[in-house]
């Protein structure tokens, strides 16, 4: 293992991960057993989305038409107002709310009928898998579109 090298801006480590703890004075020990047991990014994302899902699609009481402004905790840059009667804006709105919304946001901003009609073309695999596992109606909608 290479020793740390000093640079003008502080300490720079030029080190490779160690395979034995005795070789690792800087804590770069590579423990394959621990790494294998840790959940992957996809697992973490699915768990995050699963905590937010409503108990039933009937809880989704959001608007079906018109212009909607999303709060900054959902959309912190770019477009914040969406016309749900324009297909591209409606799709962007649903993607944002599904990806960023907490449980109360999902219930307030999503509409059951619109969600079902847009479902097969919507969002990331992690979000899709969580929602389809929670709601057979969405899983059937996705199968019918395929």
N, C-alpha and C. Protein backbone atom coordinates (compact mmCIF):
# COMPACT_ATOMS: atom_id res chain seq x y z
N UNK A 1 0.84 -1.18 0.00
CA UNK A 1 0.00 0.00 0.00
C UNK A 1 0.88 1.24 0.00
N UNK A 2 0.52 2.20 -0.81
CA UNK A 2 1.31 3.43 -0.87
C UNK A 2 1.01 4.28 0.33
N UNK A 3 2.02 5.01 0.77
CA UNK A 3 1.84 5.91 1.91
C UNK A 3 1.16 7.18 1.43
N UNK A 4 0.46 7.86 2.35
CA UNK A 4 -0.19 9.12 1.97
C UNK A 4 0.85 10.14 1.52
N UNK A 5 0.48 10.92 0.58
CA UNK A 5 1.36 11.94 0.04
C UNK A 5 0.79 13.30 0.39
N UNK A 6 1.60 14.19 0.82
CA UNK A 6 1.15 15.53 1.14
C UNK A 6 1.07 16.35 -0.13
N UNK A 7 0.07 17.17 -0.22
CA UNK A 7 -0.05 18.08 -1.34
C UNK A 7 -0.28 19.47 -0.78
N UNK A 8 -0.31 20.46 -1.62
CA UNK A 8 -0.52 21.84 -1.19
C UNK A 8 -1.87 22.06 -0.55
N UNK A 9 -2.86 21.22 -0.83
CA UNK A 9 -4.22 21.41 -0.32
C UNK A 9 -4.56 20.43 0.79
N UNK A 10 -3.63 19.79 1.37
CA UNK A 10 -3.94 18.85 2.44
C UNK A 10 -3.36 17.48 2.15
N UNK A 11 -3.92 16.48 2.74
CA UNK A 11 -3.42 15.12 2.61
C UNK A 11 -4.16 14.40 1.49
N UNK A 12 -3.43 13.76 0.64
CA UNK A 12 -4.01 13.01 -0.47
C UNK A 12 -3.65 11.55 -0.30
N UNK A 13 -4.63 10.68 -0.25
CA UNK A 13 -4.37 9.25 -0.13
C UNK A 13 -4.32 8.62 -1.50
N UNK A 14 -3.25 7.93 -1.77
CA UNK A 14 -3.13 7.15 -2.99
C UNK A 14 -3.05 5.70 -2.56
N UNK A 15 -4.17 5.13 -2.22
CA UNK A 15 -4.17 3.79 -1.63
C UNK A 15 -5.16 2.89 -2.34
N UNK A 16 -4.82 1.63 -2.33
CA UNK A 16 -5.71 0.61 -2.83
C UNK A 16 -6.36 -0.05 -1.61
N UNK A 17 -7.59 -0.56 -1.74
CA UNK A 17 -8.19 -1.25 -0.59
C UNK A 17 -7.35 -2.45 -0.18
N UNK A 18 -7.24 -2.68 1.11
CA UNK A 18 -6.48 -3.80 1.64
C UNK A 18 -7.36 -5.03 1.74
N UNK A 19 -6.75 -6.19 1.70
CA UNK A 19 -7.49 -7.42 1.87
C UNK A 19 -7.25 -8.06 3.24
N UNK A 20 -6.32 -7.51 3.99
CA UNK A 20 -6.07 -7.96 5.36
C UNK A 20 -6.05 -6.74 6.26
N UNK A 21 -6.70 -6.84 7.39
CA UNK A 21 -6.81 -5.71 8.30
C UNK A 21 -5.44 -5.19 8.72
N UNK A 22 -4.46 -6.08 8.90
CA UNK A 22 -3.13 -5.66 9.35
C UNK A 22 -2.47 -4.72 8.35
N UNK A 23 -2.84 -4.77 7.09
CA UNK A 23 -2.24 -3.93 6.06
C UNK A 23 -2.86 -2.54 6.00
N UNK A 24 -3.92 -2.29 6.76
CA UNK A 24 -4.74 -1.10 6.53
C UNK A 24 -4.70 -0.09 7.66
N UNK A 25 -3.65 0.66 7.77
CA UNK A 25 -3.59 1.66 8.83
C UNK A 25 -4.58 2.80 8.62
N UNK A 26 -5.12 2.97 7.42
CA UNK A 26 -6.04 4.07 7.14
C UNK A 26 -7.48 3.61 7.01
N UNK A 27 -7.79 2.41 7.43
CA UNK A 27 -9.18 1.94 7.48
C UNK A 27 -9.78 1.61 6.12
N UNK A 28 -8.97 1.18 5.18
CA UNK A 28 -9.48 0.85 3.85
C UNK A 28 -9.62 -0.66 3.67
N UNK A 29 -9.87 -1.35 4.76
CA UNK A 29 -10.00 -2.79 4.72
C UNK A 29 -11.21 -3.21 3.89
N UNK A 30 -11.03 -4.15 3.00
CA UNK A 30 -12.09 -4.63 2.13
C UNK A 30 -12.66 -5.92 2.72
N UNK A 31 -13.86 -5.85 3.23
CA UNK A 31 -14.50 -7.01 3.85
C UNK A 31 -15.63 -7.47 2.94
N UNK A 32 -15.37 -8.49 2.12
CA UNK A 32 -16.36 -8.97 1.15
C UNK A 32 -17.61 -9.52 1.82
N UNK A 33 -17.47 -10.11 3.00
CA UNK A 33 -18.65 -10.65 3.68
C UNK A 33 -19.60 -9.53 4.06
N UNK A 34 -19.08 -8.44 4.60
CA UNK A 34 -19.93 -7.34 5.00
C UNK A 34 -20.56 -6.68 3.77
N UNK A 35 -19.77 -6.53 2.71
CA UNK A 35 -20.28 -5.89 1.50
C UNK A 35 -21.40 -6.71 0.87
N UNK A 36 -21.29 -8.02 0.91
CA UNK A 36 -22.30 -8.89 0.30
C UNK A 36 -23.61 -8.83 1.06
N UNK A 37 -23.57 -8.58 2.36
CA UNK A 37 -24.79 -8.58 3.14
C UNK A 37 -25.50 -7.23 3.13
N UNK A 38 -24.84 -6.19 2.66
CA UNK A 38 -25.46 -4.88 2.62
C UNK A 38 -26.43 -4.80 1.44
N UNK A 39 -27.58 -4.14 1.64
CA UNK A 39 -28.53 -4.03 0.54
C UNK A 39 -27.97 -3.13 -0.57
N UNK A 40 -28.37 -3.44 -1.79
CA UNK A 40 -27.93 -2.63 -2.92
C UNK A 40 -28.75 -1.36 -3.04
N UNK A 41 -28.33 -0.48 -3.93
CA UNK A 41 -29.02 0.78 -4.14
C UNK A 41 -30.48 0.56 -4.54
N UNK A 42 -30.72 -0.39 -5.40
CA UNK A 42 -32.08 -0.68 -5.85
C UNK A 42 -32.95 -1.14 -4.68
N UNK A 43 -32.39 -1.97 -3.79
CA UNK A 43 -33.13 -2.44 -2.62
C UNK A 43 -33.48 -1.26 -1.70
N UNK A 44 -32.54 -0.36 -1.53
CA UNK A 44 -32.78 0.81 -0.67
C UNK A 44 -33.86 1.72 -1.27
N UNK A 45 -33.80 1.90 -2.58
CA UNK A 45 -34.81 2.73 -3.25
C UNK A 45 -36.19 2.09 -3.13
N UNK A 46 -36.28 0.79 -3.33
CA UNK A 46 -37.57 0.11 -3.22
C UNK A 46 -38.14 0.24 -1.81
N UNK A 47 -37.29 0.09 -0.81
CA UNK A 47 -37.75 0.23 0.58
C UNK A 47 -38.26 1.64 0.83
N UNK A 48 -37.58 2.63 0.29
CA UNK A 48 -38.01 4.02 0.45
C UNK A 48 -39.37 4.24 -0.19
N UNK A 49 -39.56 3.73 -1.39
CA UNK A 49 -40.85 3.90 -2.08
C UNK A 49 -41.96 3.11 -1.40
N UNK A 50 -41.65 1.93 -0.88
CA UNK A 50 -42.66 1.08 -0.23
C UNK A 50 -43.24 1.75 1.01
N UNK A 51 -42.42 2.51 1.73
CA UNK A 51 -42.91 3.21 2.94
C UNK A 51 -43.91 4.30 2.60
N UNK A 52 -43.91 4.78 1.37
CA UNK A 52 -44.74 5.92 0.97
C UNK A 52 -46.06 5.52 0.33
N UNK A 53 -46.18 4.30 -0.14
CA UNK A 53 -47.34 3.85 -0.91
C UNK A 53 -48.61 3.91 -0.05
N UNK A 54 -49.71 4.43 -0.62
CA UNK A 54 -50.97 4.44 0.14
C UNK A 54 -51.51 3.01 0.31
N UNK A 55 -52.43 2.86 1.23
CA UNK A 55 -53.02 1.54 1.49
C UNK A 55 -53.88 1.06 0.33
N UNK A 56 -54.52 2.00 -0.38
CA UNK A 56 -55.40 1.65 -1.50
C UNK A 56 -55.33 2.75 -2.56
N UNK A 57 -55.50 2.36 -3.81
CA UNK A 57 -55.52 3.36 -4.90
C UNK A 57 -56.67 4.34 -4.74
N UNK A 58 -57.72 3.91 -4.07
CA UNK A 58 -58.88 4.80 -3.88
C UNK A 58 -58.53 6.00 -2.99
N UNK A 59 -57.43 5.96 -2.27
CA UNK A 59 -56.98 7.09 -1.46
C UNK A 59 -56.47 8.25 -2.33
N UNK A 60 -56.10 7.95 -3.56
CA UNK A 60 -55.52 8.98 -4.44
C UNK A 60 -56.62 9.94 -4.87
N UNK A 61 -56.60 11.14 -4.29
CA UNK A 61 -57.68 12.10 -4.49
C UNK A 61 -57.20 13.36 -5.21
N UNK A 62 -56.13 13.24 -5.96
CA UNK A 62 -55.57 14.40 -6.65
C UNK A 62 -56.40 14.84 -7.83
N UNK A 63 -56.04 15.98 -8.40
CA UNK A 63 -56.78 16.54 -9.53
C UNK A 63 -56.64 15.69 -10.80
N UNK A 64 -57.66 15.78 -11.63
CA UNK A 64 -57.65 15.06 -12.90
C UNK A 64 -57.42 16.02 -14.07
N UNK A 65 -57.79 17.28 -13.90
CA UNK A 65 -57.65 18.30 -14.94
C UNK A 65 -57.17 19.59 -14.31
N UNK A 66 -56.75 20.51 -15.16
CA UNK A 66 -56.39 21.84 -14.70
C UNK A 66 -54.92 22.02 -14.42
N UNK A 67 -54.61 23.16 -13.85
CA UNK A 67 -53.22 23.53 -13.55
C UNK A 67 -52.95 23.30 -12.07
N UNK A 68 -51.81 22.66 -11.80
CA UNK A 68 -51.43 22.34 -10.43
C UNK A 68 -50.02 22.84 -10.18
N UNK A 69 -49.83 23.50 -9.05
CA UNK A 69 -48.48 23.92 -8.63
C UNK A 69 -48.00 22.98 -7.54
N UNK A 70 -46.82 22.42 -7.76
CA UNK A 70 -46.24 21.52 -6.76
C UNK A 70 -45.38 22.31 -5.78
N UNK A 71 -45.34 21.89 -4.53
CA UNK A 71 -44.52 22.57 -3.53
C UNK A 71 -43.02 22.32 -3.77
N UNK A 72 -42.22 23.18 -3.19
CA UNK A 72 -40.77 23.11 -3.39
C UNK A 72 -40.14 21.82 -2.88
N UNK A 73 -40.72 21.16 -1.89
CA UNK A 73 -40.11 19.91 -1.42
C UNK A 73 -40.28 18.78 -2.44
N UNK A 74 -41.14 18.97 -3.43
CA UNK A 74 -41.29 17.98 -4.50
C UNK A 74 -40.48 18.37 -5.74
N UNK A 75 -40.53 19.63 -6.09
CA UNK A 75 -39.83 20.09 -7.29
C UNK A 75 -39.10 21.38 -6.93
N UNK A 76 -37.80 21.26 -6.74
CA UNK A 76 -37.01 22.38 -6.22
C UNK A 76 -36.31 23.18 -7.30
N UNK A 77 -36.40 22.75 -8.54
CA UNK A 77 -35.85 23.54 -9.63
C UNK A 77 -36.65 23.27 -10.89
N UNK A 78 -36.61 24.20 -11.80
CA UNK A 78 -37.32 24.03 -13.05
C UNK A 78 -38.80 24.33 -12.90
N UNK A 79 -39.57 23.71 -13.73
CA UNK A 79 -41.02 23.93 -13.78
C UNK A 79 -41.69 23.46 -12.49
N UNK A 80 -42.54 24.31 -11.91
CA UNK A 80 -43.26 23.93 -10.69
C UNK A 80 -44.77 23.89 -10.90
N UNK A 81 -45.24 24.43 -12.02
CA UNK A 81 -46.68 24.44 -12.33
C UNK A 81 -46.92 23.59 -13.57
N UNK A 82 -47.92 22.71 -13.48
CA UNK A 82 -48.18 21.74 -14.54
C UNK A 82 -49.64 21.79 -14.97
N UNK A 83 -49.86 21.82 -16.28
CA UNK A 83 -51.21 21.74 -16.84
C UNK A 83 -51.50 20.27 -17.12
N UNK A 84 -52.38 19.68 -16.33
CA UNK A 84 -52.66 18.25 -16.45
C UNK A 84 -53.41 17.90 -17.72
N UNK A 85 -53.88 18.90 -18.46
CA UNK A 85 -54.55 18.63 -19.73
C UNK A 85 -53.56 18.53 -20.89
N UNK A 86 -52.28 18.80 -20.62
CA UNK A 86 -51.24 18.63 -21.63
C UNK A 86 -50.46 17.35 -21.33
N UNK A 87 -50.49 16.38 -22.24
CA UNK A 87 -49.92 15.06 -21.95
C UNK A 87 -48.47 15.06 -21.44
N UNK A 88 -47.60 15.84 -22.05
CA UNK A 88 -46.20 15.83 -21.59
C UNK A 88 -46.05 16.41 -20.19
N UNK A 89 -46.76 17.48 -19.92
CA UNK A 89 -46.70 18.08 -18.58
C UNK A 89 -47.31 17.15 -17.54
N UNK A 90 -48.39 16.48 -17.91
CA UNK A 90 -49.03 15.51 -17.01
C UNK A 90 -48.06 14.37 -16.68
N UNK A 91 -47.36 13.88 -17.69
CA UNK A 91 -46.40 12.80 -17.49
C UNK A 91 -45.26 13.26 -16.58
N UNK A 92 -44.74 14.45 -16.80
CA UNK A 92 -43.67 14.99 -15.94
C UNK A 92 -44.14 15.13 -14.50
N UNK A 93 -45.33 15.66 -14.34
CA UNK A 93 -45.94 15.84 -13.02
C UNK A 93 -46.01 14.50 -12.28
N UNK A 94 -46.52 13.46 -12.94
CA UNK A 94 -46.66 12.15 -12.31
C UNK A 94 -45.30 11.54 -11.97
N UNK A 95 -44.34 11.69 -12.85
CA UNK A 95 -43.00 11.17 -12.57
C UNK A 95 -42.39 11.84 -11.35
N UNK A 96 -42.54 13.15 -11.25
CA UNK A 96 -42.00 13.89 -10.11
C UNK A 96 -42.67 13.46 -8.81
N UNK A 97 -43.99 13.43 -8.80
CA UNK A 97 -44.72 13.10 -7.58
C UNK A 97 -44.41 11.66 -7.15
N UNK A 98 -44.36 10.73 -8.08
CA UNK A 98 -44.06 9.34 -7.73
C UNK A 98 -42.64 9.18 -7.20
N UNK A 99 -41.70 9.89 -7.76
CA UNK A 99 -40.30 9.75 -7.36
C UNK A 99 -39.98 10.51 -6.08
N UNK A 100 -40.57 11.68 -5.89
CA UNK A 100 -40.18 12.56 -4.79
C UNK A 100 -41.20 12.65 -3.67
N UNK A 101 -42.45 12.28 -3.93
CA UNK A 101 -43.51 12.50 -2.96
C UNK A 101 -43.49 11.56 -1.77
N UNK A 102 -43.86 12.11 -0.63
CA UNK A 102 -44.10 11.32 0.56
C UNK A 102 -45.55 10.80 0.48
N UNK A 103 -45.96 9.99 1.44
CA UNK A 103 -47.30 9.41 1.42
C UNK A 103 -48.38 10.47 1.23
N UNK A 104 -48.34 11.54 2.02
CA UNK A 104 -49.38 12.57 1.93
C UNK A 104 -49.37 13.28 0.58
N UNK A 105 -48.20 13.44 -0.01
CA UNK A 105 -48.10 14.06 -1.34
C UNK A 105 -48.74 13.17 -2.40
N UNK A 106 -48.49 11.87 -2.31
CA UNK A 106 -49.06 10.93 -3.28
C UNK A 106 -50.59 10.99 -3.23
N UNK A 107 -51.13 10.99 -2.03
CA UNK A 107 -52.58 11.02 -1.86
C UNK A 107 -53.17 12.35 -2.36
N UNK A 108 -52.47 13.43 -2.09
CA UNK A 108 -52.98 14.76 -2.47
C UNK A 108 -52.83 15.08 -3.95
N UNK A 109 -51.75 14.64 -4.58
CA UNK A 109 -51.46 15.09 -5.94
C UNK A 109 -51.73 14.06 -7.04
N UNK A 110 -51.86 12.78 -6.69
CA UNK A 110 -52.12 11.76 -7.71
C UNK A 110 -53.61 11.44 -7.76
N UNK A 111 -54.07 11.13 -8.96
CA UNK A 111 -55.46 10.76 -9.20
C UNK A 111 -55.48 9.30 -9.65
N UNK A 112 -56.33 8.51 -9.04
CA UNK A 112 -56.39 7.08 -9.34
C UNK A 112 -56.57 6.79 -10.83
N UNK A 113 -57.54 7.43 -11.45
CA UNK A 113 -57.84 7.17 -12.87
C UNK A 113 -56.67 7.55 -13.77
N UNK A 114 -56.08 8.71 -13.52
CA UNK A 114 -54.93 9.13 -14.32
C UNK A 114 -53.74 8.21 -14.11
N UNK A 115 -53.49 7.82 -12.88
CA UNK A 115 -52.37 6.93 -12.59
C UNK A 115 -52.51 5.63 -13.37
N UNK A 116 -53.69 5.05 -13.35
CA UNK A 116 -53.91 3.79 -14.06
C UNK A 116 -53.74 3.97 -15.56
N UNK A 117 -54.24 5.07 -16.10
CA UNK A 117 -54.13 5.28 -17.55
C UNK A 117 -52.69 5.55 -17.99
N UNK A 118 -51.90 6.17 -17.14
CA UNK A 118 -50.51 6.49 -17.48
C UNK A 118 -49.54 5.38 -17.10
N UNK A 119 -49.97 4.48 -16.27
CA UNK A 119 -49.06 3.56 -15.59
C UNK A 119 -48.03 2.84 -16.47
N UNK A 120 -48.38 2.19 -17.53
CA UNK A 120 -47.37 1.39 -18.22
C UNK A 120 -46.17 2.21 -18.73
N UNK A 121 -46.35 3.50 -18.92
CA UNK A 121 -45.29 4.30 -19.54
C UNK A 121 -44.58 5.22 -18.55
N UNK A 122 -44.81 5.04 -17.28
CA UNK A 122 -44.43 6.08 -16.33
C UNK A 122 -42.98 6.15 -15.89
N UNK A 123 -42.54 5.34 -15.03
CA UNK A 123 -41.45 5.66 -14.14
C UNK A 123 -40.38 4.59 -14.06
N UNK A 124 -39.47 4.80 -13.13
CA UNK A 124 -38.34 3.89 -12.96
C UNK A 124 -38.81 2.49 -12.54
N UNK A 125 -37.97 1.53 -12.79
CA UNK A 125 -38.28 0.14 -12.47
C UNK A 125 -38.54 -0.04 -10.98
N UNK A 126 -37.75 0.62 -10.13
CA UNK A 126 -37.93 0.46 -8.68
C UNK A 126 -39.30 0.94 -8.22
N UNK A 127 -39.72 2.11 -8.68
CA UNK A 127 -41.04 2.63 -8.31
C UNK A 127 -42.12 1.71 -8.86
N UNK A 128 -41.97 1.33 -10.11
CA UNK A 128 -42.97 0.47 -10.76
C UNK A 128 -43.13 -0.85 -10.02
N UNK A 129 -42.03 -1.49 -9.68
CA UNK A 129 -42.11 -2.79 -9.00
C UNK A 129 -42.79 -2.68 -7.64
N UNK A 130 -42.50 -1.63 -6.88
CA UNK A 130 -43.12 -1.44 -5.57
C UNK A 130 -44.62 -1.25 -5.71
N UNK A 131 -45.03 -0.38 -6.62
CA UNK A 131 -46.46 -0.10 -6.78
C UNK A 131 -47.20 -1.30 -7.36
N UNK A 132 -46.60 -2.01 -8.30
CA UNK A 132 -47.27 -3.18 -8.88
C UNK A 132 -47.37 -4.31 -7.87
N UNK A 133 -46.40 -4.43 -6.98
CA UNK A 133 -46.48 -5.42 -5.91
C UNK A 133 -47.58 -5.06 -4.92
N UNK A 134 -47.82 -3.76 -4.75
CA UNK A 134 -48.83 -3.30 -3.80
C UNK A 134 -50.24 -3.32 -4.38
N UNK A 135 -50.36 -3.13 -5.69
CA UNK A 135 -51.68 -2.99 -6.32
C UNK A 135 -51.77 -3.86 -7.57
N UNK A 136 -52.56 -4.94 -7.48
CA UNK A 136 -52.74 -5.85 -8.62
C UNK A 136 -53.27 -5.12 -9.84
N UNK A 137 -54.09 -4.13 -9.62
CA UNK A 137 -54.69 -3.37 -10.72
C UNK A 137 -53.62 -2.74 -11.62
N UNK A 138 -52.55 -2.27 -11.02
CA UNK A 138 -51.45 -1.67 -11.80
C UNK A 138 -50.64 -2.75 -12.50
N UNK A 139 -50.44 -3.87 -11.83
CA UNK A 139 -49.70 -4.97 -12.44
C UNK A 139 -50.45 -5.49 -13.67
N UNK A 140 -51.78 -5.62 -13.57
CA UNK A 140 -52.58 -6.07 -14.70
C UNK A 140 -52.56 -5.03 -15.82
N UNK A 141 -52.57 -3.77 -15.47
CA UNK A 141 -52.52 -2.69 -16.45
C UNK A 141 -51.22 -2.76 -17.24
N UNK A 142 -50.12 -3.01 -16.55
CA UNK A 142 -48.81 -3.11 -17.20
C UNK A 142 -48.73 -4.33 -18.11
N UNK A 143 -49.31 -5.46 -17.66
CA UNK A 143 -49.31 -6.67 -18.49
C UNK A 143 -50.15 -6.50 -19.73
N UNK A 144 -51.27 -5.81 -19.61
CA UNK A 144 -52.15 -5.59 -20.76
C UNK A 144 -51.50 -4.68 -21.79
N UNK A 145 -50.68 -3.75 -21.33
CA UNK A 145 -50.01 -2.81 -22.26
C UNK A 145 -48.82 -3.47 -22.95
N UNK A 146 -48.27 -4.52 -22.37
CA UNK A 146 -47.08 -5.16 -22.95
C UNK A 146 -47.36 -6.01 -24.13
